[in-house]
Amino acid sequence: MRWAADAVATLREGARLRLDYSEQSLWRVDRVIDGIRRERPPYAAVQTALRDLGAYAGEVIVRRTGGEWWASGGDHWVRTPDGRLWDPIDEARRCFAGDGSLRLLCRDASAARHP
C-alpha cells in the first residue's frame, strides 16, 4: 500500500528511523505516535501521518500473515487468512488518543492464524 511506503520514507528522512516491515519495528512506530501525542498537536495536523503509520502496521500484518488489504467506502482494513478484519489505521488513531498499540494489534492478528 502506498501509504505504508510514505510512512517509511518520511520517517527515514525526517526522523532518521528505519522501518523494515518487521513486527519489532512496530515498537518504534508506537513510540513515534506516543511522542506525537505528547506534543498535543491538533488531530487535523497529524491525520495523514497517523493514516500512513497505520497503513505501515497493516502492511506488516499483511506480510506476516499472508493477509490482504480490503477497501470499501474509503475505509481500509486488513483481512487475515482466517477471515478476520483488522483496522490498523483506526488503531493508529487510537494510539494517538492514548488507547491503542499497533504492535499489539499485529501480535493479535498474527496469533489469529494459529488458533
Protein backbone atom coordinates (compact mmCIF):
# COMPACT_ATOMS: atom_id res chain seq x y z
CA MET A 1 0.00 0.00 0.00
CA ARG A 2 1.34 3.40 -0.98
CA TRP A 3 0.57 4.97 2.41
CA ALA A 4 2.86 2.45 4.12
CA ALA A 5 5.70 3.36 1.76
CA ASP A 6 5.05 7.04 2.52
CA ALA A 7 5.47 6.38 6.25
CA VAL A 8 8.72 4.51 5.69
CA ALA A 9 10.14 7.31 3.52
CA THR A 10 9.00 10.10 5.85
CA LEU A 11 10.43 8.51 8.99
CA ARG A 12 13.68 7.57 7.26
CA GLU A 13 14.20 11.12 6.01
CA GLY A 14 12.67 13.18 8.83
CA ALA A 15 13.33 11.15 11.97
CA ARG A 16 16.21 9.04 10.67
CA LEU A 17 14.22 5.98 11.67
CA ARG A 18 14.44 2.88 9.51
CA LEU A 19 11.38 0.70 9.25
CA ASP A 20 11.83 -2.78 7.82
CA TYR A 21 8.27 -4.17 7.91
CA SER A 22 9.13 -6.39 10.87
CA GLU A 23 6.84 -6.92 13.82
CA GLN A 24 9.61 -5.48 16.03
CA SER A 25 9.57 -2.21 14.07
CA LEU A 26 6.08 -1.57 15.40
CA TRP A 27 7.60 -0.87 18.84
CA ARG A 28 9.28 2.14 17.22
CA VAL A 29 6.07 3.19 15.47
CA ASP A 30 4.14 3.06 18.75
CA ARG A 31 6.84 5.24 20.33
CA VAL A 32 6.69 7.72 17.45
CA ILE A 33 2.92 8.07 17.87
CA ASP A 34 3.35 8.42 21.63
CA GLY A 35 5.86 11.22 21.03
CA ILE A 36 3.47 12.98 18.67
CA ARG A 37 0.64 12.66 21.22
CA ARG A 38 2.78 14.17 23.99
CA GLU A 39 3.30 17.26 21.84
CA ARG A 40 -0.52 17.66 21.73
CA PRO A 41 -0.93 18.78 18.12
CA PRO A 42 -4.44 19.13 16.74
CA TYR A 43 -5.66 15.90 15.14
CA ALA A 44 -6.01 17.59 11.76
CA ALA A 45 -2.28 18.36 11.77
CA VAL A 46 -1.29 14.69 12.19
CA GLN A 47 -4.18 12.91 10.48
CA THR A 48 -2.19 11.97 7.35
CA ALA A 49 0.83 10.81 9.37
CA LEU A 50 -1.40 8.61 11.53
CA ARG A 51 -3.04 7.15 8.42
CA ASP A 52 0.37 6.37 6.95
CA LEU A 53 1.66 4.80 10.18
CA GLY A 54 -1.49 2.71 10.45
CA ALA A 55 -1.05 1.61 6.85
CA TYR A 56 2.54 0.66 7.63
CA ALA A 57 1.31 -1.54 10.50
CA GLY A 58 -1.29 -3.03 8.18
CA GLU A 59 1.39 -3.87 5.65
CA VAL A 60 3.41 -5.57 8.41
CA ILE A 61 0.31 -7.67 9.22
CA VAL A 62 -0.26 -8.49 5.52
CA ARG A 63 3.34 -9.63 5.07
CA ARG A 64 3.41 -11.57 8.35
CA THR A 65 0.10 -13.38 7.94
CA GLY A 66 -0.38 -13.64 4.19
CA GLY A 67 -3.41 -11.37 4.52
CA GLU A 68 -4.67 -8.81 2.06
CA TRP A 69 -5.92 -5.24 2.03
CA TRP A 70 -9.66 -4.64 1.75
CA ALA A 71 -11.22 -1.28 0.99
CA SER A 72 -14.80 -0.08 0.95
CA GLY A 73 -16.28 3.40 1.05
CA GLY A 74 -12.91 5.00 1.75
CA ASP A 75 -12.14 2.70 4.69
CA HIS A 76 -9.25 0.23 4.60
CA TRP A 77 -8.80 -2.99 6.54
CA VAL A 78 -6.54 -5.98 6.52
CA ARG A 79 -8.19 -9.36 6.08
CA THR A 80 -6.15 -12.21 7.52
CA PRO A 81 -6.42 -15.73 6.06
CA ASP A 82 -8.75 -16.75 8.90
CA GLY A 83 -11.30 -14.25 7.54
CA ARG A 84 -10.97 -11.68 10.32
CA LEU A 85 -10.79 -7.97 9.52
CA TRP A 86 -8.30 -5.67 11.27
CA ASP A 87 -8.28 -1.88 11.19
CA PRO A 88 -4.69 -0.69 11.68
CA ILE A 89 -5.48 2.84 10.51
CA ASP A 90 -8.09 3.24 13.22
CA GLU A 91 -5.67 1.64 15.70
CA ALA A 92 -3.13 4.36 14.87
CA ARG A 93 -5.81 6.92 15.73
CA ARG A 94 -6.46 5.07 18.99
CA CYS A 95 -2.72 5.17 19.74
CA PHE A 96 -2.78 8.92 19.24
CA ALA A 97 -5.71 9.10 21.70
CA GLY A 98 -3.62 7.10 24.19
CA ASP A 99 -5.61 3.88 23.92
CA GLY A 100 -4.05 1.59 21.35
CA SER A 101 -0.96 -0.22 20.15
CA LEU A 102 -0.02 -1.15 16.60
CA ARG A 103 2.46 -3.68 17.97
CA LEU A 104 -0.27 -5.45 19.96
CA LEU A 105 -2.67 -5.31 17.02
CA CYS A 106 -0.06 -7.06 14.87
CA ARG A 107 0.58 -9.63 17.59
CA ASP A 108 -3.14 -10.40 17.84
CA ALA A 109 -3.61 -10.57 14.06
CA SER A 110 -0.57 -12.84 13.71
CA ALA A 111 -1.75 -15.13 16.51
CA ALA A 112 -5.15 -15.39 14.86
CA ARG A 113 -3.70 -17.51 12.08
CA HIS A 114 -2.76 -20.15 14.65
CA PRO A 115 -5.93 -20.55 16.75
